[in-house]
PDB file of N, CA and C in Angstrom:
ATOM      1  N   MET A   1     -13.848 -13.848-129.707  1.00  0.00           N
ATOM      2  CA  MET A   1     -15.367 -14.034-129.676  1.00  0.00           C
ATOM      3  C   MET A   1     -15.635 -15.529-128.981  1.00  0.00           C
ATOM      4  N   LYS A   2     -16.274 -15.199-128.082  1.00  0.00           N
ATOM      5  CA  LYS A   2     -16.793 -16.225-127.154  1.00  0.00           C
ATOM      6  C   LYS A   2     -18.473 -16.796-127.719  1.00  0.00           C
ATOM      7  N   LYS A   3     -18.673 -18.225-127.415  1.00  0.00           N
ATOM      8  CA  LYS A   3     -19.893 -18.733-128.226  1.00  0.00           C
ATOM      9  C   LYS A   3     -20.430 -19.251-127.004  1.00  0.00           C
ATOM     10  N   VAL A   4     -21.777 -18.961-127.181  1.00  0.00           N
ATOM     11  CA  VAL A   4     -22.972 -19.545-126.378  1.00  0.00           C
ATOM     12  C   VAL A   4     -23.865 -20.545-127.074  1.00  0.00           C
ATOM     13  N   ILE A   5     -24.111 -21.763-126.523  1.00  0.00           N
ATOM     14  CA  ILE A   5     -24.995 -22.595-127.383  1.00  0.00           C
ATOM     15  C   ILE A   5     -26.545 -22.402-126.659  1.00  0.00           C
ATOM     16  N   LEU A   6     -27.308 -22.056-126.842  1.00  0.00           N
ATOM     17  CA  LEU A   6     -28.784 -22.316-126.172  1.00  0.00           C
ATOM     18  C   LEU A   6     -29.772 -23.549-126.782  1.00  0.00           C
ATOM     19  N   VAL A   7     -29.782 -24.361-125.930  1.00  0.00           N
ATOM     20  CA  VAL A   7     -30.315 -25.818-126.189  1.00  0.00           C
ATOM     21  C   VAL A   7     -31.941 -25.409-125.932  1.00  0.00           C
ATOM     22  N   CYS A   8     -32.931 -26.078-126.986  1.00  0.00           N
ATOM     23  CA  CYS A   8     -34.181 -25.927-127.049  1.00  0.00           C
ATOM     24  C   CYS A   8     -34.767 -27.345-127.114  1.00  0.00           C
ATOM     25  N   ASN A   9     -36.126 -27.710-127.274  1.00  0.00           N
ATOM     26  CA  ASN A   9     -36.696 -28.525-127.428  1.00  0.00           C
ATOM     27  C   ASN A   9     -36.653 -28.680-129.102  1.00  0.00           C
ATOM     28  N   ALA A  10     -37.336 -27.629-129.430  1.00  0.00           N
ATOM     29  CA  ALA A  10     -37.665 -27.887-130.870  1.00  0.00           C
ATOM     30  C   ALA A  10     -36.889 -26.609-132.005  1.00  0.00           C
ATOM     31  N   GLY A  11     -36.253 -26.005-131.014  1.00  0.00           N
ATOM     32  CA  GLY A  11     -35.802 -24.775-131.995  1.00  0.00           C
ATOM     33  C   GLY A  11     -36.004 -23.564-132.611  1.00  0.00           C
ATOM     34  N   LEU A  12     -37.179 -23.425-132.513  1.00  0.00           N
ATOM     35  CA  LEU A  12     -37.714 -22.164-133.309  1.00  0.00           C
ATOM     36  C   LEU A  12     -37.600 -21.208-132.133  1.00  0.00           C
ATOM     37  N   SER A  13     -38.449 -21.117-130.886  1.00  0.00           N
ATOM     38  CA  SER A  13     -38.080 -20.046-130.136  1.00  0.00           C
ATOM     39  C   SER A  13     -36.454 -19.653-129.635  1.00  0.00           C
ATOM     40  N   SER A  14     -35.751 -20.734-129.821  1.00  0.00           N
ATOM     41  CA  SER A  14     -34.541 -20.543-128.952  1.00  0.00           C
ATOM     42  C   SER A  14     -33.496 -19.765-130.373  1.00  0.00           C
ATOM     43  N   SER A  15     -33.928 -20.111-131.841  1.00  0.00           N
ATOM     44  CA  SER A  15     -33.659 -19.332-132.897  1.00  0.00           C
ATOM     45  C   SER A  15     -33.665 -18.106-132.453  1.00  0.00           C
ATOM     46  N   LEU A  16     -34.692 -17.376-132.169  1.00  0.00           N
ATOM     47  CA  LEU A  16     -35.567 -16.144-132.012  1.00  0.00           C
ATOM     48  C   LEU A  16     -34.313 -15.524-130.713  1.00  0.00           C
ATOM     49  N   MET A  17     -34.327 -16.026-129.681  1.00  0.00           N
ATOM     50  CA  MET A  17     -34.035 -15.852-128.645  1.00  0.00           C
ATOM     51  C   MET A  17     -32.396 -15.579-128.702  1.00  0.00           C
ATOM     52  N   ALA A  18     -31.613 -16.427-129.351  1.00  0.00           N
ATOM     53  CA  ALA A  18     -30.165 -16.325-129.861  1.00  0.00           C
ATOM     54  C   ALA A  18     -29.757 -15.007-130.760  1.00  0.00           C
ATOM     55  N   LYS A  19     -30.625 -14.865-131.635  1.00  0.00           N
ATOM     56  CA  LYS A  19     -30.605 -13.801-132.578  1.00  0.00           C
ATOM     57  C   LYS A  19     -30.780 -12.450-131.600  1.00  0.00           C
ATOM     58  N   GLU A  20     -31.758 -12.136-130.872  1.00  0.00           N
ATOM     59  CA  GLU A  20     -32.110 -11.118-130.272  1.00  0.00           C
ATOM     60  C   GLU A  20     -31.099 -10.894-129.352  1.00  0.00           C
ATOM     61  N   VAL A  21     -30.635 -11.700-128.642  1.00  0.00           N
ATOM     62  CA  VAL A  21     -29.726 -12.092-127.238  1.00  0.00           C
ATOM     63  C   VAL A  21     -27.912 -11.500-127.982  1.00  0.00           C
ATOM     64  N   THR A  22     -27.925 -12.120-128.995  1.00  0.00           N
ATOM     65  CA  THR A  22     -26.695 -11.907-129.745  1.00  0.00           C
ATOM     66  C   THR A  22     -26.519 -10.237-130.069  1.00  0.00           C
ATOM     67  N   LYS A  23     -27.498  -9.645-130.900  1.00  0.00           N
ATOM     68  CA  LYS A  23     -27.728  -8.308-130.834  1.00  0.00           C
ATOM     69  C   LYS A  23     -27.601  -7.521-129.559  1.00  0.00           C
ATOM     70  N   GLN A  24     -28.044  -7.866-128.703  1.00  0.00           N
ATOM     71  CA  GLN A  24     -28.075  -6.776-127.407  1.00  0.00           C
ATOM     72  C   GLN A  24     -26.494  -7.085-126.827  1.00  0.00           C
ATOM     73  N   LEU A  25     -25.897  -8.457-126.860  1.00  0.00           N
ATOM     74  CA  LEU A  25     -24.695  -8.599-126.014  1.00  0.00           C
ATOM     75  C   LEU A  25     -23.641  -7.633-126.893  1.00  0.00           C
ATOM     76  N   GLN A  26     -23.728  -7.321-128.220  1.00  0.00           N
ATOM     77  CA  GLN A  26     -22.871  -6.738-129.010  1.00  0.00           C
ATOM     78  C   GLN A  26     -23.154  -5.233-129.271  1.00  0.00           C
ATOM     79  N   LYS A  27     -24.506  -5.100-128.942  1.00  0.00           N
ATOM     80  CA  LYS A  27     -24.719  -3.405-128.695  1.00  0.00           C
ATOM     81  C   LYS A  27     -24.678  -2.879-127.355  1.00  0.00           C
ATOM     82  N   ASP A  28     -24.093  -3.905-126.396  1.00  0.00           N
ATOM     83  CA  ASP A  28     -23.707  -3.346-125.121  1.00  0.00           C
ATOM     84  C   ASP A  28     -21.925  -3.860-124.887  1.00  0.00           C
ATOM     85  N   GLY A  29     -21.348  -4.288-126.167  1.00  0.00           N
ATOM     86  CA  GLY A  29     -19.961  -3.978-126.569  1.00  0.00           C
ATOM     87  C   GLY A  29     -19.472  -5.706-125.879  1.00  0.00           C
ATOM     88  N   HIS A  30     -19.867  -6.471-125.729  1.00  0.00           N
ATOM     89  CA  HIS A  30     -19.429  -7.889-125.518  1.00  0.00           C
ATOM     90  C   HIS A  30     -19.188  -8.650-126.565  1.00  0.00           C
ATOM     91  N   GLU A  31     -18.046  -8.957-126.855  1.00  0.00           N
ATOM     92  CA  GLU A  31     -17.936 -10.127-128.241  1.00  0.00           C
ATOM     93  C   GLU A  31     -18.442 -11.284-127.824  1.00  0.00           C
ATOM     94  N   ILE A  32     -19.505 -11.724-127.627  1.00  0.00           N
ATOM     95  CA  ILE A  32     -20.047 -12.847-127.212  1.00  0.00           C
ATOM     96  C   ILE A  32     -21.657 -13.191-128.228  1.00  0.00           C
ATOM     97  N   TYR A  33     -21.471 -14.167-128.975  1.00  0.00           N
ATOM     98  CA  TYR A  33     -22.346 -14.795-130.191  1.00  0.00           C
ATOM     99  C   TYR A  33     -23.107 -16.076-129.509  1.00  0.00           C
ATOM    100  N   VAL A  34     -24.459 -15.865-129.605  1.00  0.00           N
ATOM    101  CA  VAL A  34     -25.164 -17.168-128.975  1.00  0.00           C
ATOM    102  C   VAL A  34     -26.023 -17.822-130.525  1.00  0.00           C
ATOM    103  N   GLU A  35     -25.773 -18.899-130.461  1.00  0.00           N
ATOM    104  CA  GLU A  35     -26.429 -19.937-131.580  1.00  0.00           C
ATOM    105  C   GLU A  35     -27.122 -21.099-130.755  1.00  0.00           C
ATOM    106  N   ALA A  36     -28.218 -21.217-131.655  1.00  0.00           N
ATOM    107  CA  ALA A  36     -29.317 -22.188-131.132  1.00  0.00           C
ATOM    108  C   ALA A  36     -29.452 -23.512-131.590  1.00  0.00           C
ATOM    109  N   THR A  37     -29.519 -24.324-130.928  1.00  0.00           N
ATOM    110  CA  THR A  37     -29.704 -25.973-131.474  1.00  0.00           C
ATOM    111  C   THR A  37     -30.839 -26.763-130.519  1.00  0.00           C
ATOM    112  N   THR A  38     -31.059 -28.102-131.131  1.00  0.00           N
ATOM    113  CA  THR A  38     -32.513 -28.553-130.557  1.00  0.00           C
ATOM    114  C   THR A  38     -31.611 -29.563-129.675  1.00  0.00           C
ATOM    115  N   ILE A  39     -32.495 -30.356-128.816  1.00  0.00           N
ATOM    116  CA  ILE A  39     -31.754 -31.026-127.747  1.00  0.00           C
ATOM    117  C   ILE A  39     -31.512 -32.729-128.700  1.00  0.00           C
ATOM    118  N   SER A  40     -32.117 -32.782-129.725  1.00  0.00           N
ATOM    119  CA  SER A  40     -31.606 -34.058-130.682  1.00  0.00           C
ATOM    120  C   SER A  40     -30.544 -34.004-131.439  1.00  0.00           C
ATOM    121  N   ASN A  41     -30.045 -32.545-131.772  1.00  0.00           N
ATOM    122  CA  ASN A  41     -28.655 -32.198-132.270  1.00  0.00           C
ATOM    123  C   ASN A  41     -27.713 -31.713-131.165  1.00  0.00           C
ATOM    124  N   SER A  42     -27.797 -32.224-129.970  1.00  0.00           N
ATOM    125  CA  SER A  42     -26.754 -31.500-129.053  1.00  0.00           C
ATOM    126  C   SER A  42     -25.856 -32.583-128.385  1.00  0.00           C
ATOM    127  N   GLU A  43     -25.742 -33.538-129.251  1.00  0.00           N
ATOM    128  CA  GLU A  43     -25.066 -34.582-128.329  1.00  0.00           C
ATOM    129  C   GLU A  43     -23.324 -34.121-128.762  1.00  0.00           C
ATOM    130  N   ASN A  44     -23.249 -33.316-129.274  1.00  0.00           N
ATOM    131  CA  ASN A  44     -21.399 -33.077-129.899  1.00  0.00           C
ATOM    132  C   ASN A  44     -21.212 -31.928-128.726  1.00  0.00           C
ATOM    133  N   ILE A  45     -22.353 -30.798-128.488  1.00  0.00           N
ATOM    134  CA  ILE A  45     -21.655 -29.568-127.837  1.00  0.00           C
ATOM    135  C   ILE A  45     -20.495 -29.708-126.808  1.00  0.00           C
ATOM    136  N   PHE A  46     -20.638 -30.546-126.263  1.00  0.00           N
ATOM    137  CA  PHE A  46     -19.805 -31.098-124.675  1.00  0.00           C
ATOM    138  C   PHE A  46     -18.553 -30.912-125.573  1.00  0.00           C
ATOM    139  N   LYS A  47     -18.246 -31.978-126.665  1.00  0.00           N
ATOM    140  CA  LYS A  47     -17.002 -32.286-127.230  1.00  0.00           C
ATOM    141  C   LYS A  47     -16.198 -30.953-127.674  1.00  0.00           C
ATOM    142  N   SER A  48     -16.979 -30.233-128.473  1.00  0.00           N
ATOM    143  CA  SER A  48     -16.688 -29.189-129.339  1.00  0.00           C
ATOM    144  C   SER A  48     -15.762 -27.850-128.333  1.00  0.00           C
ATOM    145  N   ASP A  49     -14.883 -27.577-129.340  1.00  0.00           N
ATOM    146  CA  ASP A  49     -14.145 -26.827-128.532  1.00  0.00           C
ATOM    147  C   ASP A  49     -15.076 -25.042-128.936  1.00  0.00           C
ATOM    148  N   GLU A  50     -15.823 -25.619-129.788  1.00  0.00           N
ATOM    149  CA  GLU A  50     -16.500 -24.088-130.467  1.00  0.00           C
ATOM    150  C   GLU A  50     -17.123 -23.212-129.368  1.00  0.00           C
ATOM    151  N   TYR A  51     -18.126 -23.971-128.194  1.00  0.00           N
ATOM    152  CA  TYR A  51     -18.736 -23.063-127.168  1.00  0.00           C
ATOM    153  C   TYR A  51     -18.352 -23.066-125.720  1.00  0.00           C
ATOM    154  N   SER A  52     -18.412 -22.036-125.519  1.00  0.00           N
ATOM    155  CA  SER A  52     -17.918 -21.834-124.178  1.00  0.00           C
ATOM    156  C   SER A  52     -18.597 -21.983-122.609  1.00  0.00           C
ATOM    157  N   MET A  53     -20.212 -21.846-123.537  1.00  0.00           N
ATOM    158  CA  MET A  53     -21.165 -22.022-122.208  1.00  0.00           C
ATOM    159  C   MET A  53     -22.193 -22.920-123.216  1.00  0.00           C
ATOM    160  N   ILE A  54     -23.171 -23.541-122.290  1.00  0.00           N
ATOM    161  CA  ILE A  54     -24.474 -24.223-122.666  1.00  0.00           C
ATOM    162  C   ILE A  54     -25.795 -23.594-122.002  1.00  0.00           C
ATOM    163  N   LEU A  55     -26.141 -23.258-122.904  1.00  0.00           N
ATOM    164  CA  LEU A  55     -27.438 -22.731-121.733  1.00  0.00           C
ATOM    165  C   LEU A  55     -28.675 -23.314-121.909  1.00  0.00           C
ATOM    166  N   LEU A  56     -29.671 -24.031-121.144  1.00  0.00           N
ATOM    167  CA  LEU A  56     -30.702 -24.634-121.619  1.00  0.00           C
ATOM    168  C   LEU A  56     -31.807 -23.748-121.371  1.00  0.00           C
ATOM    169  N   SER A  57     -33.071 -24.077-122.195  1.00  0.00           N
ATOM    170  CA  SER A  57     -33.857 -23.593-122.350  1.00  0.00           C
ATOM    171  C   SER A  57     -35.435 -24.064-121.049  1.00  0.00           C
ATOM    172  N   PRO A  58     -36.024 -23.005-120.907  1.00  0.00           N
ATOM    173  CA  PRO A  58     -36.995 -23.669-119.685  1.00  0.00           C
ATOM    174  C   PRO A  58     -37.829 -25.015-120.433  1.00  0.00           C
ATOM    175  N   GLN A  59     -37.913 -25.229-121.478  1.00  0.00           N
ATOM    176  CA  GLN A  59     -38.321 -26.459-121.852  1.00  0.00           C
ATOM    177  C   GLN A  59     -38.007 -27.710-121.796  1.00  0.00           C
ATOM    178  N   ILE A  60     -36.596 -27.809-121.667  1.00  0.00           N
ATOM    179  CA  ILE A  60     -35.671 -28.773-121.274  1.00  0.00           C
ATOM    180  C   ILE A  60     -35.100 -29.067-120.024  1.00  0.00           C
ATOM    181  N   ARG A  61     -35.500 -27.666-119.051  1.00  0.00           N
ATOM    182  CA  ARG A  61     -34.904 -27.821-117.752  1.00  0.00           C
ATOM    183  C   ARG A  61     -34.740 -29.190-116.770  1.00  0.00           C
ATOM    184  N   MET A  62     -35.883 -30.109-117.278  1.00  0.00           N
ATOM    185  CA  MET A  62     -35.776 -31.426-116.410  1.00  0.00           C
ATOM    186  C   MET A  62     -34.505 -32.367-117.033  1.00  0.00           C
ATOM    187  N   TYR A  63     -33.648 -31.951-117.927  1.00  0.00           N
ATOM    188  CA  TYR A  63     -32.393 -32.703-118.648  1.00  0.00           C
ATOM    189  C   TYR A  63     -31.034 -31.865-117.819  1.00  0.00           C
ATOM    190  N   PHE A  64     -31.380 -30.690-117.151  1.00  0.00           N
ATOM    191  CA  PHE A  64     -30.333 -29.963-116.431  1.00  0.00           C
ATOM    192  C   PHE A  64     -29.077 -31.176-115.783  1.00  0.00           C
ATOM    193  N   ASP A  65     -29.538 -31.898-115.012  1.00  0.00           N
ATOM    194  CA  ASP A  65     -28.548 -32.557-114.187  1.00  0.00           C
ATOM    195  C   ASP A  65     -27.738 -33.580-115.279  1.00  0.00           C
ATOM    196  N   GLU A  66     -28.243 -33.956-115.927  1.00  0.00           N
ATOM    197  CA  GLU A  66     -27.550 -35.189-117.294  1.00  0.00           C
ATOM    198  C   GLU A  66     -26.782 -34.197-118.175  1.00  0.00           C
ATOM    199  N   TYR A  67     -27.351 -32.981-118.120  1.00  0.00           N
ATOM    200  CA  TYR A  67     -26.376 -31.999-118.956  1.00  0.00           C
ATOM    201  C   TYR A  67     -25.029 -31.368-118.232  1.00  0.00           C
ATOM    202  N   LYS A  68     -25.486 -31.208-117.036  1.00  0.00           N
ATOM    203  CA  LYS A  68     -24.434 -30.827-116.119  1.00  0.00           C
ATOM    204  C   LYS A  68     -23.244 -31.617-115.805  1.00  0.00           C
ATOM    205  N   LYS A  69     -23.795 -32.890-115.743  1.00  0.00           N
ATOM    206  CA  LYS A  69     -22.745 -33.981-115.550  1.00  0.00           C
ATOM    207  C   LYS A  69     -21.786 -33.712-117.008  1.00  0.00           C
ATOM    208  N   ASN A  70     -22.117 -34.000-117.808  1.00  0.00           N
ATOM    209  CA  ASN A  70     -21.538 -33.997-119.300  1.00  0.00           C
ATOM    210  C   ASN A  70     -20.674 -32.551-119.233  1.00  0.00           C
ATOM    211  N   ALA A  71     -21.304 -31.392-119.090  1.00  0.00           N
ATOM    212  CA  ALA A  71     -20.642 -30.035-119.045  1.00  0.00           C
ATOM    213  C   ALA A  71     -19.442 -30.015-118.013  1.00  0.00           C
ATOM    214  N   ASP A  72     -19.710 -30.836-117.066  1.00  0.00           N
ATOM    215  CA  ASP A  72     -18.460 -30.571-116.036  1.00  0.00           C
ATOM    216  C   ASP A  72     -17.665 -31.530-116.616  1.00  0.00           C
ATOM    217  N   GLU A  73     -17.503 -32.798-117.061  1.00  0.00           N
ATOM    218  CA  GLU A  73     -16.700 -33.832-117.826  1.00  0.00           C
ATOM    219  C   GLU A  73     -15.597 -33.223-118.531  1.00  0.00           C
ATOM    220  N   PHE A  74     -16.396 -32.307-119.247  1.00  0.00           N
ATOM    221  CA  PHE A  74     -15.617 -31.489-120.689  1.00  0.00           C
ATOM    222  C   PHE A  74     -15.377 -30.172-120.211  1.00  0.00           C
ATOM    223  N   GLY A  75     -15.646 -29.618-118.914  1.00  0.00           N
ATOM    224  CA  GLY A  75     -14.887 -27.910-118.615  1.00  0.00           C
ATOM    225  C   GLY A  75     -15.927 -27.125-119.138  1.00  0.00           C
ATOM    226  N   LYS A  76     -16.994 -27.136-119.425  1.00  0.00           N
ATOM    227  CA  LYS A  76     -18.197 -26.166-120.164  1.00  0.00           C
ATOM    228  C   LYS A  76     -18.914 -25.686-118.896  1.00  0.00           C
ATOM    229  N   ILE A  77     -19.016 -24.256-118.966  1.00  0.00           N
ATOM    230  CA  ILE A  77     -19.957 -23.343-118.207  1.00  0.00           C
ATOM    231  C   ILE A  77     -21.399 -24.022-118.679  1.00  0.00           C
ATOM    232  N   ILE A  78     -22.519 -24.180-117.643  1.00  0.00           N
ATOM    233  CA  ILE A  78     -23.922 -24.424-118.092  1.00  0.00           C
ATOM    234  C   ILE A  78     -24.550 -23.651-117.062  1.00  0.00           C
ATOM    235  N   ALA A  79     -26.083 -23.436-117.462  1.00  0.00           N
ATOM    236  CA  ALA A  79     -26.838 -22.457-117.123  1.00  0.00           C
ATOM    237  C   ALA A  79     -28.189 -23.027-117.492  1.00  0.00           C
ATOM    238  N   GLN A  80     -29.081 -22.874-116.818  1.00  0.00           N
ATOM    239  CA  GLN A  80     -30.335 -23.245-117.109  1.00  0.00           C
ATOM    240  C   GLN A  80     -31.144 -21.425-117.261  1.00  0.00           C
ATOM    241  N   THR A  81     -32.130 -21.633-118.242  1.00  0.00           N
ATOM    242  CA  THR A  81     -32.837 -20.298-118.439  1.00  0.00           C
ATOM    243  C   THR A  81     -34.233 -19.932-117.905  1.00  0.00           C
ATOM    244  N   PRO A  82     -34.818 -19.100-117.007  1.00  0.00           N
ATOM    245  CA  PRO A  82     -35.783 -19.296-116.328  1.00  0.00           C
ATOM    246  C   PRO A  82     -37.054 -18.816-117.475  1.00  0.00           C
ATOM    247  N   PHE A  83     -37.922 -18.690-117.093  1.00  0.00           N
ATOM    248  CA  PHE A  83     -39.369 -18.358-118.204  1.00  0.00           C
ATOM    249  C   PHE A  83     -39.035 -16.705-118.260  1.00  0.00           C
ATOM    250  N   ASN A  84     -38.665 -16.190-117.266  1.00  0.00           N
ATOM    251  CA  ASN A  84     -38.363 -14.773-117.531  1.00  0.00           C
ATOM    252  C   ASN A  84     -37.296 -14.077-118.193  1.00  0.00           C
ATOM    253  N   ALA A  85     -36.573 -15.033-118.376  1.00  0.00           N
ATOM    254  CA  ALA A  85     -35.320 -15.040-119.953  1.00  0.00           C
ATOM    255  C   ALA A  85     -35.511 -15.260-121.094  1.00  0.00           C
ATOM    256  N   TYR A  86     -36.897 -16.002-121.173  1.00  0.00           N
ATOM    257  CA  TYR A  86     -36.679 -16.931-122.408  1.00  0.00           C
ATOM    258  C   TYR A  86     -37.968 -15.600-123.023  1.00  0.00           C
ATOM    259  N   ALA A  87     -38.050 -15.062-123.019  1.00  0.00           N
ATOM    260  CA  ALA A  87     -39.227 -14.143-124.236  1.00  0.00           C
ATOM    261  C   ALA A  87     -38.298 -13.036-124.863  1.00  0.00           C
ATOM    262  N   PRO A  88     -38.959 -12.723-125.806  1.00  0.00           N
ATOM    263  CA  PRO A  88     -37.971 -11.867-126.921  1.00  0.00           C
ATOM    264  C   PRO A  88     -38.457 -10.537-126.653  1.00  0.00           C
ATOM    265  N   THR A  89     -38.916 -10.120-125.253  1.00  0.00           N
ATOM    266  CA  THR A  89     -39.361  -8.619-124.952  1.00  0.00           C
ATOM    267  C   THR A  89     -37.703  -8.372-124.545  1.00  0.00           C
ATOM    268  N   PRO A  90     -38.022  -6.702-124.503  1.00  0.00           N
ATOM    269  CA  PRO A  90     -36.558  -5.883-124.055  1.00  0.00           C
ATOM    270  C   PRO A  90     -36.386  -6.964-122.843  1.00  0.00           C
ATOM    271  N   MET A  91     -37.023  -7.117-121.871  1.00  0.00           N
ATOM    272  CA  MET A  91     -36.961  -7.531-120.370  1.00  0.00           C
ATOM    273  C   MET A  91     -36.427  -8.985-120.650  1.00  0.00           C
ATOM    274  N   GLY A  92     -37.089  -9.759-121.388  1.00  0.00           N
ATOM    275  CA  GLY A  92     -36.380 -11.402-121.503  1.00  0.00           C
ATOM    276  C   GLY A  92     -34.781 -11.062-122.039  1.00  0.00           C
ATOM    277  N   VAL A  93     -34.741 -10.387-123.094  1.00  0.00           N
ATOM    278  CA  VAL A  93     -33.593 -10.695-123.553  1.00  0.00           C
ATOM    279  C   VAL A  93     -32.254  -9.973-122.762  1.00  0.00           C
ATOM    280  N   LYS A  94     -32.696  -8.780-121.776  1.00  0.00           N
ATOM    281  CA  LYS A  94     -32.066  -8.081-121.134  1.00  0.00           C
ATOM    282  C   LYS A  94     -31.671  -9.457-120.059  1.00  0.00           C
ATOM    283  N   ASN A  95     -32.478  -9.967-119.272  1.00  0.00           N
ATOM    284  CA  ASN A  95     -32.568 -11.062-118.499  1.00  0.00           C
ATOM    285  C   ASN A  95     -31.815 -12.090-119.115  1.00  0.00           C
ATOM    286  N   MET A  96     -31.810 -12.909-120.354  1.00  0.00           N
ATOM    287  CA  MET A  96     -30.927 -13.829-120.656  1.00  0.00           C
ATOM    288  C   MET A  96     -29.427 -13.365-120.669  1.00  0.00           C
ATOM    289  N   GLU A  97     -29.236 -11.824-121.303  1.00  0.00           N
ATOM    290  CA  GLU A  97     -27.883 -11.632-121.141  1.00  0.00           C
ATOM    291  C   GLU A  97     -27.157 -11.294-120.319  1.00  0.00           C
ATOM    292  N   ASN A  98     -28.130 -11.096-119.348  1.00  0.00           N
ATOM    293  CA  ASN A  98     -27.180 -10.966-117.768  1.00  0.00           C
ATOM    294  C   ASN A  98     -27.139 -12.745-117.396  1.00  0.00           C
ATOM    295  N   ILE A  99     -27.853 -13.381-117.497  1.00  0.00           N
ATOM    296  CA  ILE A  99     -27.290 -14.901-117.182  1.00  0.00           C
ATOM    297  C   ILE A  99     -25.937 -15.242-117.855  1.00  0.00           C
ATOM    298  N   ILE A 100     -26.238 -14.977-119.147  1.00  0.00           N
ATOM    299  CA  ILE A 100     -24.787 -15.225-120.133  1.00  0.00           C
ATOM    300  C   ILE A 100     -23.612 -14.578-119.367  1.00  0.00           C
ATOM    301  N   LEU A 101     -23.470 -13.368-119.142  1.00  0.00           N
ATOM    302  CA  LEU A 101     -22.719 -12.637-118.507  1.00  0.00           C
ATOM    303  C   LEU A 101     -22.133 -12.757-117.289  1.00  0.00           C
ATOM    304  N   GLU A 102     -23.146 -13.015-116.478  1.00  0.00           N
ATOM    305  CA  GLU A 102     -22.736 -13.684-114.854  1.00  0.00           C
ATOM    306  C   GLU A 102     -21.875 -14.792-114.777  1.00  0.00           C
ATOM    307  N   ASN A 103     -22.357 -15.651-115.914  1.00  0.00           N
ATOM    308  CA  ASN A 103     -21.617 -17.149-115.780  1.00  0.00           C
ATOM    309  C   ASN A 103     -20.520 -17.258-116.340  1.00  0.00           C
ATOM    310  N   ILE A 104     -20.387 -16.465-117.615  1.00  0.00           N
ATOM    311  CA  ILE A 104     -19.175 -16.377-118.419  1.00  0.00           C
ATOM    312  C   ILE A 104     -18.185 -15.847-117.739  1.00  0.00           C
ATOM    313  N   TYR A 105     -18.549 -14.391-116.954  1.00  0.00           N
ATOM    314  CA  TYR A 105     -17.516 -13.842-116.360  1.00  0.00           C
ATOM    315  C   TYR A 105     -17.130 -14.221-114.912  1.00  0.00           C
ATOM    316  N   LYS A 106     -18.348 -14.741-114.189  1.00  0.00           N
ATOM    317  CA  LYS A 106     -17.738 -15.876-113.084  1.00  0.00           C
ATOM    318  C   LYS A 106     -16.680 -16.843-113.203  1.00  0.00           C
ATOM    319  N   TRP A 107     -16.667 -17.713-114.260  1.00  0.00           N
ATOM    320  CA  TRP A 107     -15.947 -18.401-114.316  1.00  0.00           C
ATOM    321  C   TRP A 107     -14.699 -18.215-115.110  1.00  0.00           C
ATOM    322  N   GLY A 108     -14.521 -16.746-116.005  1.00  0.00           N
ATOM    323  CA  GLY A 108     -13.754 -16.333-117.246  1.00  0.00           C
ATOM    324  C   GLY A 108     -12.546 -16.376-116.281  1.00  0.00           C
ATOM    325  N   TYR A 109     -12.410 -16.313-114.824  1.00  0.00           N
ATOM    326  CA  TYR A 109     -11.175 -15.728-114.148  1.00  0.00           C
ATOM    327  C   TYR A 109     -10.730 -17.138-112.957  1.00  0.00           C
ATOM    328  N   ASN A 110     -11.643 -18.083-113.337  1.00  0.00           N
ATOM    329  CA  ASN A 110     -11.124 -19.130-112.534  1.00  0.00           C
ATOM    330  C   ASN A 110     -10.256 -19.568-112.852  1.00  0.00           C
ATOM    331  N   GLU A 111      -9.027 -20.173-112.697  1.00  0.00           N
ATOM    332  CA  GLU A 111      -8.242 -21.025-113.237  1.00  0.00           C
ATOM    333  C   GLU A 111      -8.429 -22.238-113.810  1.00  0.00           C
ATOM    334  N   ASN A 112      -9.569 -22.637-113.337  1.00  0.00           N
ATOM    335  CA  ASN A 112      -9.847 -23.807-113.630  1.00  0.00           C
ATOM    336  C   ASN A 112     -10.496 -23.764-115.274  1.00  0.00           C
ATOM    337  N   PHE A 113     -11.040 -22.625-115.299  1.00  0.00           N
ATOM    338  CA  PHE A 113     -11.718 -22.294-116.764  1.00  0.00           C
ATOM    339  C   PHE A 113     -10.781 -21.410-117.769  1.00  0.00           C
ATOM    340  N   MET A 114      -9.431 -20.938-117.509  1.00  0.00           N
ATOM    341  CA  MET A 114      -8.883 -20.409-118.163  1.00  0.00           C
ATOM    342  C   MET A 114      -8.733 -21.031-119.600  1.00  0.00           C
ATOM    343  N   GLY A 115      -8.680 -20.520-120.484  1.00  0.00           N
ATOM    344  CA  GLY A 115      -8.397 -20.826-121.849  1.00  0.00           C
ATOM    345  C   GLY A 115      -9.774 -21.540-122.628  1.00  0.00           C
ATOM    346  N   LEU A 116     -11.086 -21.400-122.046  1.00  0.00           N
ATOM    347  CA  LEU A 116     -11.867 -22.001-122.660  1.00  0.00           C
ATOM    348  C   LEU A 116     -12.697 -20.477-123.604  1.00  0.00           C
ATOM    349  N   PHE A 117     -12.270 -19.489-123.285  1.00  0.00           N
ATOM    350  CA  PHE A 117     -12.926 -18.785-124.205  1.00  0.00           C
ATOM    351  C   PHE A 117     -12.169 -18.232-125.455  1.00  0.00           C
ATOM    352  N   ARG A 118     -12.300 -18.586-126.352  1.00  0.00           N
ATOM    353  CA  ARG A 118     -11.534 -18.369-127.812  1.00  0.00           C
ATOM    354  C   ARG A 118     -11.976 -16.892-128.572  1.00  0.00           C
TER     355      ARG A 118
END
């Protein structure tokens, strides 16, 4: 099973989105689980082998360059979530699912990222 961590400012909206997107991914036959955390609890996600991908919420998009530098150093996939993929509506959930799938499968076959997905 692949795991994605969704990083948000306070964690309320990200917890809801993580739950809804996980349900959608599993409904569509993908063994991908999304968890949520806050920016203040995110320092260890780069070093952890637990997560294959880091997804930043729109509220913390200003930290993307800093997070990308760390993600690259530790071989993690990272992406930003636009506002249209950060609403607990069917369309928002589907948009976030598409971002996750595009990034995971884009890098999943790249030899530099082989072994990321446990």
